[in-house]
PDB file of N, CA and C in Angstrom:
ATOM      1  N   MET A   1      -7.626 -43.058   1.447  1.00  0.00           N
ATOM      2  CA  MET A   1      -7.608 -44.448   1.511  1.00  0.00           C
ATOM      3  C   MET A   1      -6.208 -44.997   1.138  1.00  0.00           C
ATOM      4  N   PHE A   2      -5.734 -45.988   1.872  1.00  0.00           N
ATOM      5  CA  PHE A   2      -4.498 -46.567   1.655  1.00  0.00           C
ATOM      6  C   PHE A   2      -4.607 -48.051   1.402  1.00  0.00           C
ATOM      7  N   PHE A   3      -4.088 -48.525   0.451  1.00  0.00           N
ATOM      8  CA  PHE A   3      -3.975 -50.040   0.203  1.00  0.00           C
ATOM      9  C   PHE A   3      -2.481 -50.371   0.142  1.00  0.00           C
ATOM     10  N   PRO A   4      -2.152 -51.313   1.036  1.00  0.00           N
ATOM     11  CA  PRO A   4      -0.712 -51.644   1.134  1.00  0.00           C
ATOM     12  C   PRO A   4      -0.138 -52.339  -0.103  1.00  0.00           C
ATOM     13  N   GLU A   5       1.157 -52.104  -0.468  1.00  0.00           N
ATOM     14  CA  GLU A   5       1.679 -52.701  -1.566  1.00  0.00           C
ATOM     15  C   GLU A   5       1.534 -54.299  -1.521  1.00  0.00           C
ATOM     16  N   GLY A   6       1.177 -54.995  -2.559  1.00  0.00           N
ATOM     17  CA  GLY A   6       0.951 -56.304  -2.552  1.00  0.00           C
ATOM     18  C   GLY A   6      -0.423 -56.734  -1.887  1.00  0.00           C
ATOM     19  N   GLY A   7      -1.246 -55.711  -1.610  1.00  0.00           N
ATOM     20  CA  GLY A   7      -2.534 -56.110  -1.073  1.00  0.00           C
ATOM     21  C   GLY A   7      -3.542 -56.760  -1.997  1.00  0.00           C
ATOM     22  N   PRO A   8      -4.673 -57.178  -1.530  1.00  0.00           N
ATOM     23  CA  PRO A   8      -5.663 -57.926  -2.389  1.00  0.00           C
ATOM     24  C   PRO A   8      -6.143 -57.010  -3.475  1.00  0.00           C
ATOM     25  N   VAL A   9      -6.271 -55.728  -3.416  1.00  0.00           N
ATOM     26  CA  VAL A   9      -6.826 -54.854  -4.424  1.00  0.00           C
ATOM     27  C   VAL A   9      -5.848 -53.685  -4.605  1.00  0.00           C
ATOM     28  N   ARG A  10      -5.685 -53.309  -6.013  1.00  0.00           N
ATOM     29  CA  ARG A  10      -4.794 -52.119  -6.330  1.00  0.00           C
ATOM     30  C   ARG A  10      -5.725 -51.087  -6.872  1.00  0.00           C
ATOM     31  N   LEU A  11      -5.596 -49.871  -6.347  1.00  0.00           N
ATOM     32  CA  LEU A  11      -6.496 -48.673  -6.770  1.00  0.00           C
ATOM     33  C   LEU A  11      -5.505 -47.665  -7.586  1.00  0.00           C
ATOM     34  N   GLN A  12      -6.033 -47.388  -8.800  1.00  0.00           N
ATOM     35  CA  GLN A  12      -5.337 -46.408  -9.548  1.00  0.00           C
ATOM     36  C   GLN A  12      -6.180 -45.339 -10.089  1.00  0.00           C
ATOM     37  N   SER A  13      -5.852 -44.139 -10.254  1.00  0.00           N
ATOM     38  CA  SER A  13      -6.635 -43.130 -10.655  1.00  0.00           C
ATOM     39  C   SER A  13      -5.761 -42.087 -11.577  1.00  0.00           C
ATOM     40  N   ASN A  14      -6.481 -41.467 -12.448  1.00  0.00           N
ATOM     41  CA  ASN A  14      -5.773 -40.576 -13.360  1.00  0.00           C
ATOM     42  C   ASN A  14      -5.814 -39.090 -12.734  1.00  0.00           C
ATOM     43  N   SER A  15      -6.432 -38.931 -11.489  1.00  0.00           N
ATOM     44  CA  SER A  15      -6.645 -37.597 -10.921  1.00  0.00           C
ATOM     45  C   SER A  15      -6.435 -37.886  -9.411  1.00  0.00           C
ATOM     46  N   ARG A  16      -5.618 -36.882  -8.781  1.00  0.00           N
ATOM     47  CA  ARG A  16      -5.470 -36.743  -7.379  1.00  0.00           C
ATOM     48  C   ARG A  16      -6.582 -36.290  -6.671  1.00  0.00           C
ATOM     49  N   SER A  17      -7.566 -35.460  -7.148  1.00  0.00           N
ATOM     50  CA  SER A  17      -8.592 -34.975  -6.570  1.00  0.00           C
ATOM     51  C   SER A  17      -9.742 -34.547  -7.507  1.00  0.00           C
ATOM     52  N   VAL A  18     -10.955 -34.512  -7.119  1.00  0.00           N
ATOM     53  CA  VAL A  18     -11.979 -34.105  -7.936  1.00  0.00           C
ATOM     54  C   VAL A  18     -12.831 -32.943  -7.225  1.00  0.00           C
ATOM     55  N   VAL A  19     -13.088 -31.900  -7.885  1.00  0.00           N
ATOM     56  CA  VAL A  19     -13.910 -30.835  -7.211  1.00  0.00           C
ATOM     57  C   VAL A  19     -15.258 -30.764  -7.835  1.00  0.00           C
ATOM     58  N   PHE A  20     -16.287 -30.641  -6.871  1.00  0.00           N
ATOM     59  CA  PHE A  20     -17.680 -30.720  -7.279  1.00  0.00           C
ATOM     60  C   PHE A  20     -18.185 -29.328  -7.167  1.00  0.00           C
ATOM     61  N   ASP A  21     -18.832 -28.675  -8.143  1.00  0.00           N
ATOM     62  CA  ASP A  21     -19.370 -27.247  -8.073  1.00  0.00           C
ATOM     63  C   ASP A  21     -20.842 -27.429  -7.984  1.00  0.00           C
ATOM     64  N   ALA A  22     -21.362 -27.193  -6.832  1.00  0.00           N
ATOM     65  CA  ALA A  22     -22.849 -27.377  -6.516  1.00  0.00           C
ATOM     66  C   ALA A  22     -23.560 -26.327  -7.401  1.00  0.00           C
ATOM     67  N   THR A  23     -22.980 -25.198  -7.616  1.00  0.00           N
ATOM     68  CA  THR A  23     -23.736 -24.173  -8.422  1.00  0.00           C
ATOM     69  C   THR A  23     -23.973 -24.418  -9.847  1.00  0.00           C
ATOM     70  N   LYS A  24     -22.944 -25.030 -10.484  1.00  0.00           N
ATOM     71  CA  LYS A  24     -22.873 -25.449 -11.821  1.00  0.00           C
ATOM     72  C   LYS A  24     -23.414 -26.851 -11.971  1.00  0.00           C
ATOM     73  N   GLY A  25     -23.328 -27.684 -11.073  1.00  0.00           N
ATOM     74  CA  GLY A  25     -23.611 -29.129 -11.119  1.00  0.00           C
ATOM     75  C   GLY A  25     -22.585 -29.796 -11.960  1.00  0.00           C
ATOM     76  N   THR A  26     -21.343 -29.429 -11.783  1.00  0.00           N
ATOM     77  CA  THR A  26     -20.337 -30.210 -12.525  1.00  0.00           C
ATOM     78  C   THR A  26     -19.267 -30.563 -11.698  1.00  0.00           C
ATOM     79  N   SER A  27     -18.265 -31.428 -12.107  1.00  0.00           N
ATOM     80  CA  SER A  27     -17.056 -31.924 -11.452  1.00  0.00           C
ATOM     81  C   SER A  27     -15.894 -31.731 -12.390  1.00  0.00           C
ATOM     82  N   THR A  28     -14.702 -31.374 -11.709  1.00  0.00           N
ATOM     83  CA  THR A  28     -13.601 -31.016 -12.508  1.00  0.00           C
ATOM     84  C   THR A  28     -12.465 -31.705 -11.682  1.00  0.00           C
ATOM     85  N   PRO A  29     -11.629 -32.355 -12.341  1.00  0.00           N
ATOM     86  CA  PRO A  29     -11.522 -32.842 -13.829  1.00  0.00           C
ATOM     87  C   PRO A  29     -12.433 -34.073 -13.835  1.00  0.00           C
ATOM     88  N   THR A  30     -12.575 -34.543 -15.194  1.00  0.00           N
ATOM     89  CA  THR A  30     -13.169 -35.851 -15.256  1.00  0.00           C
ATOM     90  C   THR A  30     -12.134 -36.929 -14.729  1.00  0.00           C
ATOM     91  N   ALA A  31     -12.591 -38.037 -14.381  1.00  0.00           N
ATOM     92  CA  ALA A  31     -11.560 -38.940 -13.663  1.00  0.00           C
ATOM     93  C   ALA A  31     -11.931 -40.384 -13.974  1.00  0.00           C
ATOM     94  N   THR A  32     -10.926 -41.223 -14.036  1.00  0.00           N
ATOM     95  CA  THR A  32     -11.076 -42.631 -14.288  1.00  0.00           C
ATOM     96  C   THR A  32     -10.467 -43.339 -13.013  1.00  0.00           C
ATOM     97  N   MET A  33     -11.081 -44.151 -12.306  1.00  0.00           N
ATOM     98  CA  MET A  33     -10.549 -44.802 -11.206  1.00  0.00           C
ATOM     99  C   MET A  33     -10.595 -46.377 -11.586  1.00  0.00           C
ATOM    100  N   GLN A  34      -9.547 -47.130 -11.257  1.00  0.00           N
ATOM    101  CA  GLN A  34      -9.482 -48.540 -11.746  1.00  0.00           C
ATOM    102  C   GLN A  34      -9.085 -49.431 -10.360  1.00  0.00           C
ATOM    103  N   LEU A  35      -9.848 -50.345 -10.211  1.00  0.00           N
ATOM    104  CA  LEU A  35      -9.633 -51.399  -9.140  1.00  0.00           C
ATOM    105  C   LEU A  35      -9.316 -52.661  -9.766  1.00  0.00           C
ATOM    106  N   THR A  36      -8.150 -53.288  -9.308  1.00  0.00           N
ATOM    107  CA  THR A  36      -7.665 -54.475  -9.872  1.00  0.00           C
ATOM    108  C   THR A  36      -7.372 -55.393  -8.866  1.00  0.00           C
ATOM    109  N   ALA A  37      -7.890 -56.634  -8.893  1.00  0.00           N
ATOM    110  CA  ALA A  37      -7.637 -57.679  -7.890  1.00  0.00           C
ATOM    111  C   ALA A  37      -6.532 -58.469  -8.203  1.00  0.00           C
ATOM    112  N   ARG A  38      -5.815 -59.192  -7.398  1.00  0.00           N
ATOM    113  CA  ARG A  38      -4.687 -60.007  -7.691  1.00  0.00           C
ATOM    114  C   ARG A  38      -4.977 -61.023  -8.760  1.00  0.00           C
ATOM    115  N   ASN A  39      -6.121 -61.477  -9.043  1.00  0.00           N
ATOM    116  CA  ASN A  39      -6.347 -62.393 -10.103  1.00  0.00           C
ATOM    117  C   ASN A  39      -6.570 -61.728 -11.507  1.00  0.00           C
ATOM    118  N   GLY A  40      -6.413 -60.320 -11.424  1.00  0.00           N
ATOM    119  CA  GLY A  40      -6.472 -59.648 -12.776  1.00  0.00           C
ATOM    120  C   GLY A  40      -7.924 -59.092 -13.026  1.00  0.00           C
ATOM    121  N   MET A  41      -8.793 -59.440 -12.236  1.00  0.00           N
ATOM    122  CA  MET A  41     -10.208 -58.908 -12.522  1.00  0.00           C
ATOM    123  C   MET A  41     -10.203 -57.377 -12.155  1.00  0.00           C
ATOM    124  N   THR A  42     -10.714 -56.615 -13.137  1.00  0.00           N
ATOM    125  CA  THR A  42     -10.578 -55.122 -13.065  1.00  0.00           C
ATOM    126  C   THR A  42     -11.937 -54.506 -13.323  1.00  0.00           C
ATOM    127  N   LEU A  43     -12.079 -53.560 -12.424  1.00  0.00           N
ATOM    128  CA  LEU A  43     -13.421 -52.734 -12.573  1.00  0.00           C
ATOM    129  C   LEU A  43     -12.941 -51.353 -12.824  1.00  0.00           C
ATOM    130  N   ARG A  44     -13.476 -50.468 -13.790  1.00  0.00           N
ATOM    131  CA  ARG A  44     -13.286 -49.149 -13.868  1.00  0.00           C
ATOM    132  C   ARG A  44     -14.452 -48.295 -13.638  1.00  0.00           C
ATOM    133  N   GLN A  45     -14.234 -47.185 -12.990  1.00  0.00           N
ATOM    134  CA  GLN A  45     -15.221 -46.209 -12.649  1.00  0.00           C
ATOM    135  C   GLN A  45     -14.792 -44.862 -13.402  1.00  0.00           C
ATOM    136  N   VAL A  46     -15.708 -44.442 -14.397  1.00  0.00           N
ATOM    137  CA  VAL A  46     -15.404 -43.423 -15.167  1.00  0.00           C
ATOM    138  C   VAL A  46     -16.329 -42.318 -14.946  1.00  0.00           C
ATOM    139  N   MET A  47     -15.841 -41.064 -14.463  1.00  0.00           N
ATOM    140  CA  MET A  47     -16.796 -39.999 -14.152  1.00  0.00           C
ATOM    141  C   MET A  47     -16.669 -38.966 -15.182  1.00  0.00           C
ATOM    142  N   ASN A  48     -17.796 -38.461 -15.595  1.00  0.00           N
ATOM    143  CA  ASN A  48     -17.850 -37.403 -16.577  1.00  0.00           C
ATOM    144  C   ASN A  48     -17.870 -36.079 -15.831  1.00  0.00           C
ATOM    145  N   ILE A  49     -17.923 -34.993 -16.707  1.00  0.00           N
ATOM    146  CA  ILE A  49     -17.855 -33.653 -16.151  1.00  0.00           C
ATOM    147  C   ILE A  49     -19.164 -33.309 -15.254  1.00  0.00           C
ATOM    148  N   LEU A  50     -20.294 -34.004 -15.541  1.00  0.00           N
ATOM    149  CA  LEU A  50     -21.518 -33.810 -14.756  1.00  0.00           C
ATOM    150  C   LEU A  50     -21.522 -34.601 -13.493  1.00  0.00           C
ATOM    151  N   GLY A  51     -20.345 -35.473 -13.247  1.00  0.00           N
ATOM    152  CA  GLY A  51     -20.264 -36.234 -12.001  1.00  0.00           C
ATOM    153  C   GLY A  51     -20.868 -37.602 -12.165  1.00  0.00           C
ATOM    154  N   ARG A  52     -21.402 -37.913 -13.289  1.00  0.00           N
ATOM    155  CA  ARG A  52     -22.066 -39.220 -13.553  1.00  0.00           C
ATOM    156  C   ARG A  52     -20.854 -40.268 -13.712  1.00  0.00           C
ATOM    157  N   VAL A  53     -21.116 -41.439 -13.043  1.00  0.00           N
ATOM    158  CA  VAL A  53     -20.199 -42.456 -13.170  1.00  0.00           C
ATOM    159  C   VAL A  53     -20.777 -43.600 -13.777  1.00  0.00           C
ATOM    160  N   ARG A  54     -19.946 -44.199 -14.710  1.00  0.00           N
ATOM    161  CA  ARG A  54     -20.286 -45.452 -15.483  1.00  0.00           C
ATOM    162  C   ARG A  54     -19.214 -46.482 -15.101  1.00  0.00           C
ATOM    163  N   SER A  55     -19.642 -47.725 -15.014  1.00  0.00           N
ATOM    164  CA  SER A  55     -18.679 -48.769 -14.693  1.00  0.00           C
ATOM    165  C   SER A  55     -18.532 -49.705 -15.833  1.00  0.00           C
ATOM    166  N   CYS A  56     -17.310 -50.242 -15.985  1.00  0.00           N
ATOM    167  CA  CYS A  56     -17.032 -51.080 -17.042  1.00  0.00           C
ATOM    168  C   CYS A  56     -15.768 -51.981 -16.625  1.00  0.00           C
ATOM    169  N   SER A  57     -15.617 -52.971 -17.364  1.00  0.00           N
ATOM    170  CA  SER A  57     -14.407 -53.865 -17.162  1.00  0.00           C
ATOM    171  C   SER A  57     -13.703 -54.176 -18.329  1.00  0.00           C
ATOM    172  N   PRO A  58     -12.342 -53.923 -18.383  1.00  0.00           N
ATOM    173  CA  PRO A  58     -11.518 -54.369 -19.441  1.00  0.00           C
ATOM    174  C   PRO A  58     -11.337 -55.951 -19.456  1.00  0.00           C
ATOM    175  N   ALA A  59     -10.742 -56.433 -20.503  1.00  0.00           N
ATOM    176  CA  ALA A  59     -10.460 -57.925 -20.593  1.00  0.00           C
ATOM    177  C   ALA A  59      -9.499 -58.317 -19.391  1.00  0.00           C
ATOM    178  N   PRO A  60      -9.644 -59.292 -18.720  1.00  0.00           N
ATOM    179  CA  PRO A  60     -10.692 -60.197 -18.793  1.00  0.00           C
ATOM    180  C   PRO A  60     -12.063 -59.605 -18.131  1.00  0.00           C
ATOM    181  N   SER A  61     -13.103 -59.636 -18.873  1.00  0.00           N
ATOM    182  CA  SER A  61     -14.286 -58.939 -18.440  1.00  0.00           C
ATOM    183  C   SER A  61     -14.915 -59.419 -17.042  1.00  0.00           C
ATOM    184  N   LEU A  62     -15.375 -58.627 -16.393  1.00  0.00           N
ATOM    185  CA  LEU A  62     -16.038 -58.911 -15.046  1.00  0.00           C
ATOM    186  C   LEU A  62     -17.477 -59.082 -15.365  1.00  0.00           C
ATOM    187  N   SER A  63     -18.114 -60.146 -14.911  1.00  0.00           N
ATOM    188  CA  SER A  63     -19.385 -60.588 -15.191  1.00  0.00           C
ATOM    189  C   SER A  63     -20.373 -59.487 -14.661  1.00  0.00           C
ATOM    190  N   GLY A  64     -21.280 -59.106 -15.508  1.00  0.00           N
ATOM    191  CA  GLY A  64     -22.281 -58.072 -15.143  1.00  0.00           C
ATOM    192  C   GLY A  64     -21.898 -56.674 -15.458  1.00  0.00           C
ATOM    193  N   TYR A  65     -20.682 -56.462 -16.062  1.00  0.00           N
ATOM    194  CA  TYR A  65     -20.194 -55.129 -16.513  1.00  0.00           C
ATOM    195  C   TYR A  65     -19.943 -55.146 -17.973  1.00  0.00           C
ATOM    196  N   ARG A  66     -20.296 -54.025 -18.606  1.00  0.00           N
ATOM    197  CA  ARG A  66     -19.904 -53.791 -20.020  1.00  0.00           C
ATOM    198  C   ARG A  66     -18.321 -53.821 -20.219  1.00  0.00           C
ATOM    199  N   ALA A  67     -17.864 -54.207 -21.417  1.00  0.00           N
ATOM    200  CA  ALA A  67     -16.385 -54.123 -21.644  1.00  0.00           C
ATOM    201  C   ALA A  67     -16.034 -52.757 -21.878  1.00  0.00           C
ATOM    202  N   CYS A  68     -14.854 -52.353 -21.565  1.00  0.00           N
ATOM    203  CA  CYS A  68     -14.373 -50.964 -21.526  1.00  0.00           C
ATOM    204  C   CYS A  68     -13.779 -50.861 -23.049  1.00  0.00           C
TER     205      CYS A  68
END
């Protein structure tokens, strides 16, 4: 996926790729992806080793999401 420089949303991740192991039911490595709009509203998607994702929002908090 490509977002142009200066676009409406910026995507950041601490991992270049994630591997899912169907036999063990795990994902490696754990990862955090962050979407930030121009107005500063931010949503984080945090994936644990089991591939479960939780969503949160750092300040300024996004309505409907827990604070990170």
